[in-house]
Structure formats: C-alpha cells, structure tokens
PDB file of N, CA and C in Angstrom:
ATOM      1  N   MET A   1     -28.391 -67.558  13.582  1.00  0.00           N
ATOM      2  CA  MET A   1     -29.524 -66.874  13.012  1.00  0.00           C
ATOM      3  C   MET A   1     -30.784 -67.289  13.750  1.00  0.00           C
ATOM      4  N   ASP A   2     -31.637 -66.337  14.004  1.00  0.00           N
ATOM      5  CA  ASP A   2     -32.939 -66.610  14.606  1.00  0.00           C
ATOM      6  C   ASP A   2     -33.810 -67.254  13.537  1.00  0.00           C
ATOM      7  N   PHE A   3     -34.138 -68.528  13.717  1.00  0.00           N
ATOM      8  CA  PHE A   3     -34.840 -69.256  12.661  1.00  0.00           C
ATOM      9  C   PHE A   3     -36.334 -68.942  12.608  1.00  0.00           C
ATOM     10  N   ARG A   4     -36.800 -68.059  13.468  1.00  0.00           N
ATOM     11  CA  ARG A   4     -38.211 -67.649  13.428  1.00  0.00           C
ATOM     12  C   ARG A   4     -38.459 -66.570  12.382  1.00  0.00           C
ATOM     13  N   LYS A   5     -37.422 -66.102  11.724  1.00  0.00           N
ATOM     14  CA  LYS A   5     -37.568 -65.021  10.742  1.00  0.00           C
ATOM     15  C   LYS A   5     -38.401 -65.472   9.537  1.00  0.00           C
ATOM     16  N   SER A   6     -39.218 -64.542   9.066  1.00  0.00           N
ATOM     17  CA  SER A   6     -40.010 -64.779   7.862  1.00  0.00           C
ATOM     18  C   SER A   6     -39.233 -64.242   6.662  1.00  0.00           C
ATOM     19  N   PHE A   7     -39.914 -64.103   5.535  1.00  0.00           N
ATOM     20  CA  PHE A   7     -39.249 -63.609   4.337  1.00  0.00           C
ATOM     21  C   PHE A   7     -38.701 -62.206   4.537  1.00  0.00           C
ATOM     22  N   ARG A   8     -39.366 -61.386   5.325  1.00  0.00           N
ATOM     23  CA  ARG A   8     -38.890 -60.019   5.558  1.00  0.00           C
ATOM     24  C   ARG A   8     -37.564 -60.024   6.318  1.00  0.00           C
ATOM     25  N   GLY A   9     -37.495 -60.815   7.372  1.00  0.00           N
ATOM     26  CA  GLY A   9     -36.268 -60.897   8.152  1.00  0.00           C
ATOM     27  C   GLY A   9     -35.120 -61.506   7.370  1.00  0.00           C
ATOM     28  N   LEU A  10     -35.411 -62.543   6.582  1.00  0.00           N
ATOM     29  CA  LEU A  10     -34.375 -63.170   5.773  1.00  0.00           C
ATOM     30  C   LEU A  10     -33.876 -62.233   4.683  1.00  0.00           C
ATOM     31  N   SER A  11     -34.782 -61.494   4.050  1.00  0.00           N
ATOM     32  CA  SER A  11     -34.349 -60.550   3.014  1.00  0.00           C
ATOM     33  C   SER A  11     -33.519 -59.426   3.628  1.00  0.00           C
ATOM     34  N   ALA A  12     -33.806 -59.049   4.883  1.00  0.00           N
ATOM     35  CA  ALA A  12     -32.997 -58.039   5.570  1.00  0.00           C
ATOM     36  C   ALA A  12     -31.589 -58.566   5.837  1.00  0.00           C
ATOM     37  N   ILE A  13     -31.464 -59.830   6.205  1.00  0.00           N
ATOM     38  CA  ILE A  13     -30.139 -60.436   6.404  1.00  0.00           C
ATOM     39  C   ILE A  13     -29.358 -60.431   5.095  1.00  0.00           C
ATOM     40  N   ILE A  14     -30.031 -60.807   4.016  1.00  0.00           N
ATOM     41  CA  ILE A  14     -29.377 -60.838   2.702  1.00  0.00           C
ATOM     42  C   ILE A  14     -28.859 -59.452   2.341  1.00  0.00           C
ATOM     43  N   GLU A  15     -29.677 -58.440   2.579  1.00  0.00           N
ATOM     44  CA  GLU A  15     -29.308 -57.080   2.190  1.00  0.00           C
ATOM     45  C   GLU A  15     -28.321 -56.440   3.167  1.00  0.00           C
ATOM     46  N   CYS A  16     -28.621 -56.494   4.454  1.00  0.00           N
ATOM     47  CA  CYS A  16     -27.821 -55.752   5.440  1.00  0.00           C
ATOM     48  C   CYS A  16     -26.551 -56.480   5.873  1.00  0.00           C
ATOM     49  N   GLU A  17     -26.640 -57.780   6.102  1.00  0.00           N
ATOM     50  CA  GLU A  17     -25.475 -58.515   6.601  1.00  0.00           C
ATOM     51  C   GLU A  17     -24.587 -59.055   5.484  1.00  0.00           C
ATOM     52  N   LEU A  18     -25.203 -59.514   4.396  1.00  0.00           N
ATOM     53  CA  LEU A  18     -24.416 -60.077   3.303  1.00  0.00           C
ATOM     54  C   LEU A  18     -24.087 -59.049   2.226  1.00  0.00           C
ATOM     55  N   GLY A  19     -24.826 -57.935   2.209  1.00  0.00           N
ATOM     56  CA  GLY A  19     -24.578 -56.891   1.224  1.00  0.00           C
ATOM     57  C   GLY A  19     -25.056 -57.242  -0.174  1.00  0.00           C
ATOM     58  N   HIS A  20     -26.023 -58.148  -0.269  1.00  0.00           N
ATOM     59  CA  HIS A  20     -26.564 -58.567  -1.566  1.00  0.00           C
ATOM     60  C   HIS A  20     -27.955 -57.980  -1.754  1.00  0.00           C
ATOM     61  N   ASN A  21     -28.388 -57.937  -2.991  1.00  0.00           N
ATOM     62  CA  ASN A  21     -29.736 -57.478  -3.317  1.00  0.00           C
ATOM     63  C   ASN A  21     -30.662 -58.695  -3.324  1.00  0.00           C
ATOM     64  N   PRO A  22     -31.627 -58.784  -2.411  1.00  0.00           N
ATOM     65  CA  PRO A  22     -32.501 -59.963  -2.353  1.00  0.00           C
ATOM     66  C   PRO A  22     -33.489 -60.057  -3.520  1.00  0.00           C
ATOM     67  N   PHE A  23     -33.555 -59.024  -4.365  1.00  0.00           N
ATOM     68  CA  PHE A  23     -34.515 -59.002  -5.467  1.00  0.00           C
ATOM     69  C   PHE A  23     -33.908 -59.416  -6.805  1.00  0.00           C
ATOM     70  N   THR A  24     -32.733 -60.020  -6.804  1.00  0.00           N
ATOM     71  CA  THR A  24     -32.052 -60.379  -8.045  1.00  0.00           C
ATOM     72  C   THR A  24     -32.514 -61.706  -8.632  1.00  0.00           C
ATOM     73  N   GLY A  25     -33.223 -62.511  -7.843  1.00  0.00           N
ATOM     74  CA  GLY A  25     -33.643 -63.820  -8.329  1.00  0.00           C
ATOM     75  C   GLY A  25     -32.714 -64.942  -7.887  1.00  0.00           C
ATOM     76  N   HIS A  26     -31.693 -64.616  -7.097  1.00  0.00           N
ATOM     77  CA  HIS A  26     -30.839 -65.660  -6.541  1.00  0.00           C
ATOM     78  C   HIS A  26     -31.559 -66.338  -5.385  1.00  0.00           C
ATOM     79  N   LEU A  27     -31.287 -67.605  -5.202  1.00  0.00           N
ATOM     80  CA  LEU A  27     -31.883 -68.353  -4.104  1.00  0.00           C
ATOM     81  C   LEU A  27     -30.885 -68.387  -2.950  1.00  0.00           C
ATOM     82  N   TYR A  28     -31.346 -68.068  -1.751  1.00  0.00           N
ATOM     83  CA  TYR A  28     -30.520 -68.072  -0.551  1.00  0.00           C
ATOM     84  C   TYR A  28     -31.036 -69.140   0.397  1.00  0.00           C
ATOM     85  N   ALA A  29     -30.131 -69.965   0.922  1.00  0.00           N
ATOM     86  CA  ALA A  29     -30.500 -71.042   1.840  1.00  0.00           C
ATOM     87  C   ALA A  29     -29.920 -70.740   3.218  1.00  0.00           C
ATOM     88  N   PHE A  30     -30.727 -70.965   4.245  1.00  0.00           N
ATOM     89  CA  PHE A  30     -30.338 -70.746   5.632  1.00  0.00           C
ATOM     90  C   PHE A  30     -30.662 -72.010   6.416  1.00  0.00           C
ATOM     91  N   THR A  31     -29.872 -72.296   7.438  1.00  0.00           N
ATOM     92  CA  THR A  31     -30.161 -73.433   8.305  1.00  0.00           C
ATOM     93  C   THR A  31     -30.080 -72.992   9.766  1.00  0.00           C
ATOM     94  N   ASN A  32     -30.670 -73.797  10.637  1.00  0.00           N
ATOM     95  CA  ASN A  32     -30.590 -73.514  12.063  1.00  0.00           C
ATOM     96  C   ASN A  32     -29.333 -74.168  12.639  1.00  0.00           C
ATOM     97  N   ARG A  33     -29.066 -73.937  13.914  1.00  0.00           N
ATOM     98  CA  ARG A  33     -27.854 -74.475  14.539  1.00  0.00           C
ATOM     99  C   ARG A  33     -27.828 -75.997  14.572  1.00  0.00           C
ATOM    100  N   ARG A  34     -28.958 -76.608  14.770  1.00  0.00           N
ATOM    101  CA  ARG A  34     -29.023 -78.078  14.835  1.00  0.00           C
ATOM    102  C   ARG A  34     -28.950 -78.718  13.455  1.00  0.00           C
ATOM    103  N   ARG A  35     -29.047 -77.913  12.396  1.00  0.00           N
ATOM    104  CA  ARG A  35     -28.963 -78.376  11.000  1.00  0.00           C
ATOM    105  C   ARG A  35     -30.093 -79.337  10.623  1.00  0.00           C
ATOM    106  N   ASN A  36     -31.224 -79.242  11.318  1.00  0.00           N
ATOM    107  CA  ASN A  36     -32.354 -80.102  10.965  1.00  0.00           C
ATOM    108  C   ASN A  36     -33.479 -79.331  10.264  1.00  0.00           C
ATOM    109  N   LYS A  37     -33.269 -78.045  10.042  1.00  0.00           N
ATOM    110  CA  LYS A  37     -34.257 -77.223   9.337  1.00  0.00           C
ATOM    111  C   LYS A  37     -33.525 -76.363   8.319  1.00  0.00           C
ATOM    112  N   ILE A  38     -34.209 -76.112   7.226  1.00  0.00           N
ATOM    113  CA  ILE A  38     -33.626 -75.270   6.185  1.00  0.00           C
ATOM    114  C   ILE A  38     -34.731 -74.374   5.615  1.00  0.00           C
ATOM    115  N   LYS A  39     -34.354 -73.121   5.339  1.00  0.00           N
ATOM    116  CA  LYS A  39     -35.252 -72.178   4.675  1.00  0.00           C
ATOM    117  C   LYS A  39     -34.529 -71.659   3.448  1.00  0.00           C
ATOM    118  N   CYS A  40     -35.240 -71.610   2.339  1.00  0.00           N
ATOM    119  CA  CYS A  40     -34.702 -71.059   1.098  1.00  0.00           C
ATOM    120  C   CYS A  40     -35.581 -69.889   0.690  1.00  0.00           C
ATOM    121  N   LEU A  41     -34.957 -68.794   0.319  1.00  0.00           N
ATOM    122  CA  LEU A  41     -35.686 -67.588  -0.074  1.00  0.00           C
ATOM    123  C   LEU A  41     -35.291 -67.203  -1.487  1.00  0.00           C
ATOM    124  N   LEU A  42     -36.298 -66.889  -2.289  1.00  0.00           N
ATOM    125  CA  LEU A  42     -36.101 -66.544  -3.697  1.00  0.00           C
ATOM    126  C   LEU A  42     -37.100 -65.469  -4.088  1.00  0.00           C
ATOM    127  N   TRP A  43     -36.617 -64.425  -4.772  1.00  0.00           N
ATOM    128  CA  TRP A  43     -37.518 -63.419  -5.341  1.00  0.00           C
ATOM    129  C   TRP A  43     -37.917 -63.887  -6.726  1.00  0.00           C
ATOM    130  N   GLU A  44     -39.216 -63.937  -6.983  1.00  0.00           N
ATOM    131  CA  GLU A  44     -39.717 -64.404  -8.276  1.00  0.00           C
ATOM    132  C   GLU A  44     -40.700 -63.391  -8.837  1.00  0.00           C
ATOM    133  N   ASN A  45     -40.239 -62.535  -9.717  1.00  0.00           N
ATOM    134  CA  ASN A  45     -41.030 -61.549 -10.455  1.00  0.00           C
ATOM    135  C   ASN A  45     -41.771 -60.540  -9.583  1.00  0.00           C
ATOM    136  N   ASN A  46     -42.701 -60.976  -8.770  1.00  0.00           N
ATOM    137  CA  ASN A  46     -43.522 -60.014  -8.028  1.00  0.00           C
ATOM    138  C   ASN A  46     -43.700 -60.381  -6.556  1.00  0.00           C
ATOM    139  N   GLY A  47     -42.875 -61.288  -6.047  1.00  0.00           N
ATOM    140  CA  GLY A  47     -42.982 -61.656  -4.639  1.00  0.00           C
ATOM    141  C   GLY A  47     -41.948 -62.693  -4.248  1.00  0.00           C
ATOM    142  N   PHE A  48     -41.800 -62.870  -2.944  1.00  0.00           N
ATOM    143  CA  PHE A  48     -40.849 -63.841  -2.424  1.00  0.00           C
ATOM    144  C   PHE A  48     -41.460 -65.230  -2.360  1.00  0.00           C
ATOM    145  N   VAL A  49     -40.631 -66.224  -2.628  1.00  0.00           N
ATOM    146  CA  VAL A  49     -40.980 -67.625  -2.432  1.00  0.00           C
ATOM    147  C   VAL A  49     -40.143 -68.096  -1.252  1.00  0.00           C
ATOM    148  N   LEU A  50     -40.790 -68.659  -0.246  1.00  0.00           N
ATOM    149  CA  LEU A  50     -40.104 -69.169   0.937  1.00  0.00           C
ATOM    150  C   LEU A  50     -40.329 -70.668   1.019  1.00  0.00           C
ATOM    151  N   TYR A  51     -39.252 -71.423   0.947  1.00  0.00           N
ATOM    152  CA  TYR A  51     -39.297 -72.884   1.030  1.00  0.00           C
ATOM    153  C   TYR A  51     -38.763 -73.266   2.400  1.00  0.00           C
ATOM    154  N   TYR A  52     -39.485 -74.141   3.102  1.00  0.00           N
ATOM    155  CA  TYR A  52     -39.102 -74.549   4.449  1.00  0.00           C
ATOM    156  C   TYR A  52     -39.144 -76.065   4.535  1.00  0.00           C
ATOM    157  N   LYS A  53     -38.078 -76.650   5.038  1.00  0.00           N
ATOM    158  CA  LYS A  53     -38.050 -78.100   5.220  1.00  0.00           C
ATOM    159  C   LYS A  53     -37.498 -78.392   6.606  1.00  0.00           C
ATOM    160  N   SER A  54     -38.201 -79.261   7.337  1.00  0.00           N
ATOM    161  CA  SER A  54     -37.804 -79.656   8.683  1.00  0.00           C
ATOM    162  C   SER A  54     -37.656 -81.167   8.722  1.00  0.00           C
ATOM    163  N   LEU A  55     -36.493 -81.623   9.146  1.00  0.00           N
ATOM    164  CA  LEU A  55     -36.242 -83.057   9.243  1.00  0.00           C
ATOM    165  C   LEU A  55     -36.606 -83.548  10.641  1.00  0.00           C
ATOM    166  N   GLU A  56     -37.227 -84.693  10.721  1.00  0.00           N
ATOM    167  CA  GLU A  56     -37.634 -85.252  12.004  1.00  0.00           C
ATOM    168  C   GLU A  56     -36.459 -85.846  12.781  1.00  0.00           C
ATOM    169  N   GLU A  57     -35.584 -86.564  12.099  1.00  0.00           N
ATOM    170  CA  GLU A  57     -34.524 -87.271  12.812  1.00  0.00           C
ATOM    171  C   GLU A  57     -33.126 -86.955  12.319  1.00  0.00           C
ATOM    172  N   ASP A  58     -32.955 -86.658  11.065  1.00  0.00           N
ATOM    173  CA  ASP A  58     -31.629 -86.442  10.496  1.00  0.00           C
ATOM    174  C   ASP A  58     -31.219 -84.980  10.549  1.00  0.00           C
ATOM    175  N   LYS A  59     -30.019 -84.725  10.027  1.00  0.00           N
ATOM    176  CA  LYS A  59     -29.503 -83.365   9.891  1.00  0.00           C
ATOM    177  C   LYS A  59     -29.081 -83.159   8.450  1.00  0.00           C
ATOM    178  N   PHE A  60     -29.125 -81.906   8.015  1.00  0.00           N
ATOM    179  CA  PHE A  60     -28.625 -81.560   6.697  1.00  0.00           C
ATOM    180  C   PHE A  60     -27.105 -81.584   6.729  1.00  0.00           C
ATOM    181  N   SER A  61     -26.491 -82.055   5.667  1.00  0.00           N
ATOM    182  CA  SER A  61     -25.036 -82.020   5.536  1.00  0.00           C
ATOM    183  C   SER A  61     -24.653 -80.655   5.003  1.00  0.00           C
ATOM    184  N   TRP A  62     -24.549 -79.701   5.896  1.00  0.00           N
ATOM    185  CA  TRP A  62     -24.284 -78.319   5.517  1.00  0.00           C
ATOM    186  C   TRP A  62     -22.829 -78.179   5.104  1.00  0.00           C
ATOM    187  N   PRO A  63     -22.546 -77.429   4.049  1.00  0.00           N
ATOM    188  CA  PRO A  63     -21.153 -77.268   3.596  1.00  0.00           C
ATOM    189  C   PRO A  63     -20.256 -76.716   4.705  1.00  0.00           C
ATOM    190  N   LYS A  64     -19.052 -77.203   4.765  1.00  0.00           N
ATOM    191  CA  LYS A  64     -18.106 -76.774   5.792  1.00  0.00           C
ATOM    192  C   LYS A  64     -17.224 -75.629   5.305  1.00  0.00           C
ATOM    193  N   SER A  65     -17.752 -74.803   4.439  1.00  0.00           N
ATOM    194  CA  SER A  65     -17.019 -73.665   3.900  1.00  0.00           C
ATOM    195  C   SER A  65     -16.887 -72.584   4.968  1.00  0.00           C
ATOM    196  N   GLN A  66     -15.767 -71.886   4.968  1.00  0.00           N
ATOM    197  CA  GLN A  66     -15.560 -70.779   5.901  1.00  0.00           C
ATOM    198  C   GLN A  66     -16.250 -69.509   5.416  1.00  0.00           C
ATOM    199  N   GLU A  67     -16.696 -69.518   4.182  1.00  0.00           N
ATOM    200  CA  GLU A  67     -17.357 -68.344   3.613  1.00  0.00           C
ATOM    201  C   GLU A  67     -18.805 -68.283   4.086  1.00  0.00           C
ATOM    202  N   GLU A  68     -19.341 -67.061   4.195  1.00  0.00           N
ATOM    203  CA  GLU A  68     -20.746 -66.902   4.545  1.00  0.00           C
ATOM    204  C   GLU A  68     -21.640 -67.243   3.367  1.00  0.00           C
ATOM    205  N   VAL A  69     -21.158 -66.970   2.150  1.00  0.00           N
ATOM    206  CA  VAL A  69     -21.945 -67.205   0.956  1.00  0.00           C
ATOM    207  C   VAL A  69     -21.202 -68.208   0.085  1.00  0.00           C
ATOM    208  N   MET A  70     -21.922 -69.202  -0.379  1.00  0.00           N
ATOM    209  CA  MET A  70     -21.345 -70.227  -1.235  1.00  0.00           C
ATOM    210  C   MET A  70     -22.267 -70.406  -2.424  1.00  0.00           C
ATOM    211  N   THR A  71     -21.727 -70.448  -3.612  1.00  0.00           N
ATOM    212  CA  THR A  71     -22.529 -70.591  -4.820  1.00  0.00           C
ATOM    213  C   THR A  71     -22.706 -72.066  -5.137  1.00  0.00           C
ATOM    214  N   LEU A  72     -23.968 -72.473  -5.332  1.00  0.00           N
ATOM    215  CA  LEU A  72     -24.299 -73.854  -5.693  1.00  0.00           C
ATOM    216  C   LEU A  72     -25.039 -73.858  -7.017  1.00  0.00           C
ATOM    217  N   ASN A  73     -24.910 -74.934  -7.757  1.00  0.00           N
ATOM    218  CA  ASN A  73     -25.748 -75.090  -8.942  1.00  0.00           C
ATOM    219  C   ASN A  73     -27.030 -75.816  -8.524  1.00  0.00           C
ATOM    220  N   GLY A  74     -27.953 -75.965  -9.434  1.00  0.00           N
ATOM    221  CA  GLY A  74     -29.238 -76.591  -9.115  1.00  0.00           C
ATOM    222  C   GLY A  74     -29.100 -78.018  -8.616  1.00  0.00           C
ATOM    223  N   GLN A  75     -28.185 -78.764  -9.203  1.00  0.00           N
ATOM    224  CA  GLN A  75     -27.980 -80.146  -8.788  1.00  0.00           C
ATOM    225  C   GLN A  75     -27.450 -80.211  -7.356  1.00  0.00           C
ATOM    226  N   GLN A  76     -26.515 -79.336  -7.019  1.00  0.00           N
ATOM    227  CA  GLN A  76     -25.969 -79.312  -5.664  1.00  0.00           C
ATOM    228  C   GLN A  76     -27.034 -78.914  -4.643  1.00  0.00           C
ATOM    229  N   LEU A  77     -27.913 -77.980  -5.004  1.00  0.00           N
ATOM    230  CA  LEU A  77     -29.003 -77.602  -4.108  1.00  0.00           C
ATOM    231  C   LEU A  77     -29.918 -78.793  -3.864  1.00  0.00           C
ATOM    232  N   ASN A  78     -30.247 -79.531  -4.912  1.00  0.00           N
ATOM    233  CA  ASN A  78     -31.077 -80.725  -4.740  1.00  0.00           C
ATOM    234  C   ASN A  78     -30.389 -81.754  -3.856  1.00  0.00           C
ATOM    235  N   TRP A  79     -29.087 -81.929  -4.043  1.00  0.00           N
ATOM    236  CA  TRP A  79     -28.335 -82.859  -3.186  1.00  0.00           C
ATOM    237  C   TRP A  79     -28.413 -82.417  -1.729  1.00  0.00           C
ATOM    238  N   LEU A  80     -28.239 -81.112  -1.493  1.00  0.00           N
ATOM    239  CA  LEU A  80     -28.300 -80.578  -0.137  1.00  0.00           C
ATOM    240  C   LEU A  80     -29.668 -80.845   0.492  1.00  0.00           C
ATOM    241  N   LEU A  81     -30.733 -80.552  -0.244  1.00  0.00           N
ATOM    242  CA  LEU A  81     -32.088 -80.752   0.279  1.00  0.00           C
ATOM    243  C   LEU A  81     -32.418 -82.230   0.467  1.00  0.00           C
ATOM    244  N   ASP A  82     -31.764 -83.103  -0.303  1.00  0.00           N
ATOM    245  CA  ASP A  82     -31.964 -84.548  -0.160  1.00  0.00           C
ATOM    246  C   ASP A  82     -31.120 -85.145   0.959  1.00  0.00           C
ATOM    247  N   GLY A  83     -30.274 -84.320   1.591  1.00  0.00           N
ATOM    248  CA  GLY A  83     -29.477 -84.797   2.711  1.00  0.00           C
ATOM    249  C   GLY A  83     -28.107 -85.322   2.341  1.00  0.00           C
ATOM    250  N   LEU A  84     -27.679 -85.095   1.108  1.00  0.00           N
ATOM    251  CA  LEU A  84     -26.368 -85.581   0.682  1.00  0.00           C
ATOM    252  C   LEU A  84     -25.291 -84.540   0.987  1.00  0.00           C
ATOM    253  N   ASP A  85     -24.077 -85.006   1.199  1.00  0.00           N
ATOM    254  CA  ASP A  85     -22.944 -84.127   1.458  1.00  0.00           C
ATOM    255  C   ASP A  85     -22.439 -83.602   0.123  1.00  0.00           C
ATOM    256  N   ILE A  86     -22.699 -82.326  -0.164  1.00  0.00           N
ATOM    257  CA  ILE A  86     -22.359 -81.794  -1.482  1.00  0.00           C
ATOM    258  C   ILE A  86     -20.855 -81.678  -1.692  1.00  0.00           C
ATOM    259  N   SER A  87     -20.083 -81.622  -0.609  1.00  0.00           N
ATOM    260  CA  SER A  87     -18.631 -81.544  -0.781  1.00  0.00           C
ATOM    261  C   SER A  87     -18.071 -82.874  -1.277  1.00  0.00           C
ATOM    262  N   ALA A  88     -18.780 -83.971  -1.045  1.00  0.00           N
ATOM    263  CA  ALA A  88     -18.326 -85.287  -1.489  1.00  0.00           C
ATOM    264  C   ALA A  88     -18.901 -85.663  -2.852  1.00  0.00           C
ATOM    265  N   MET A  89     -19.934 -84.947  -3.277  1.00  0.00           N
ATOM    266  CA  MET A  89     -20.597 -85.274  -4.541  1.00  0.00           C
ATOM    267  C   MET A  89     -19.967 -84.480  -5.674  1.00  0.00           C
ATOM    268  N   LYS A  90     -19.681 -85.151  -6.749  1.00  0.00           N
ATOM    269  CA  LYS A  90     -19.143 -84.490  -7.928  1.00  0.00           C
ATOM    270  C   LYS A  90     -19.868 -85.031  -9.150  1.00  0.00           C
ATOM    271  N   GLY A  91     -20.313 -84.122  -9.977  1.00  0.00           N
ATOM    272  CA  GLY A  91     -20.956 -84.521 -11.218  1.00  0.00           C
ATOM    273  C   GLY A  91     -19.915 -84.727 -12.304  1.00  0.00           C
ATOM    274  N   HIS A  92     -20.380 -84.990 -13.494  1.00  0.00           N
ATOM    275  CA  HIS A  92     -19.471 -85.114 -14.628  1.00  0.00           C
ATOM    276  C   HIS A  92     -18.803 -83.777 -14.883  1.00  0.00           C
ATOM    277  N   LYS A  93     -17.565 -83.813 -15.355  1.00  0.00           N
ATOM    278  CA  LYS A  93     -16.888 -82.559 -15.653  1.00  0.00           C
ATOM    279  C   LYS A  93     -17.478 -81.956 -16.924  1.00  0.00           C
ATOM    280  N   ASN A  94     -17.446 -80.652 -16.988  1.00  0.00           N
ATOM    281  CA  ASN A  94     -17.908 -79.951 -18.178  1.00  0.00           C
ATOM    282  C   ASN A  94     -16.849 -80.061 -19.259  1.00  0.00           C
ATOM    283  N   CYS A  95     -17.285 -80.245 -20.457  1.00  0.00           N
ATOM    284  CA  CYS A  95     -16.327 -80.288 -21.562  1.00  0.00           C
ATOM    285  C   CYS A  95     -16.887 -79.470 -22.715  1.00  0.00           C
ATOM    286  N   THR A  96     -16.001 -79.041 -23.557  1.00  0.00           N
ATOM    287  CA  THR A  96     -16.406 -78.286 -24.727  1.00  0.00           C
ATOM    288  C   THR A  96     -15.979 -79.045 -25.966  1.00  0.00           C
ATOM    289  N   MET A  97     -16.703 -78.827 -27.014  1.00  0.00           N
ATOM    290  CA  MET A  97     -16.382 -79.488 -28.270  1.00  0.00           C
ATOM    291  C   MET A  97     -16.067 -78.428 -29.309  1.00  0.00           C
ATOM    292  N   THR A  98     -15.108 -78.733 -30.116  1.00  0.00           N
ATOM    293  CA  THR A  98     -14.774 -77.877 -31.250  1.00  0.00           C
ATOM    294  C   THR A  98     -15.238 -78.589 -32.505  1.00  0.00           C
ATOM    295  N   VAL A  99     -16.040 -77.916 -33.254  1.00  0.00           N
ATOM    296  CA  VAL A  99     -16.572 -78.514 -34.491  1.00  0.00           C
ATOM    297  C   VAL A  99     -15.939 -77.785 -35.679  1.00  0.00           C
ATOM    298  N   PHE A 100     -15.386 -78.549 -36.592  1.00  0.00           N
ATOM    299  CA  PHE A 100     -14.763 -77.973 -37.781  1.00  0.00           C
ATOM    300  C   PHE A 100     -15.651 -78.261 -38.994  1.00  0.00           C
ATOM    301  N   PHE A 101     -15.847 -77.276 -39.796  1.00  0.00           N
ATOM    302  CA  PHE A 101     -16.632 -77.427 -41.021  1.00  0.00           C
ATOM    303  C   PHE A 101     -15.758 -77.249 -42.216  1.00  0.00           C
TER     304      PHE A 101
END
C-alpha cells in the first residue's frame, strides 16, 4: 500500500479493494512494509478520524493472518498500537452466568 494516502485514499481502498462500506463506524488499520508506521481510519458521525503513529526504532507486531481483514476488539487494538504481539496475548475467557430465582 502507498502509505502517502490520506483519508480519501484509505476510504477508497476500504470500499473498492476490500468491498466494505467505510462509513459504518468500523475502524480500519493499515501499516507500511517496514511495519514502523500505522494509520487507523474511522468514520465518526460527520467525518473521518485519521490516527497516525510512526515508530522511531521499533516495528509493530502485525498479525500474521493470511486474511486481508481481521477483526480485533478494543483491547487487541490497544495491544497492537502499544507494540505487543496480539497473537500471543490472550485475555480472560468470556463466561456467562445463569441466575435462578
């Protein structure tokens, strides 16, 4: 991906290449080949929010998924932006409770 793209170019990739609607409120994360920069794009009510982070020395631990699109929860996104390997990180398992009255 050409990392010089602004919100317009990124939203075009989301729509044309991924086949998704960029106006749904989902957050999309993109990285460059060197994995030292990340851009996140999000539609919020009346405009795009573009988040950009550039690392001076390290690289992002980008998921090694073969899929073009991978769904992350908020905690996993924070781990990714903090430089942690999200494939190695696991939170507590979800559990449900049954309450009897």
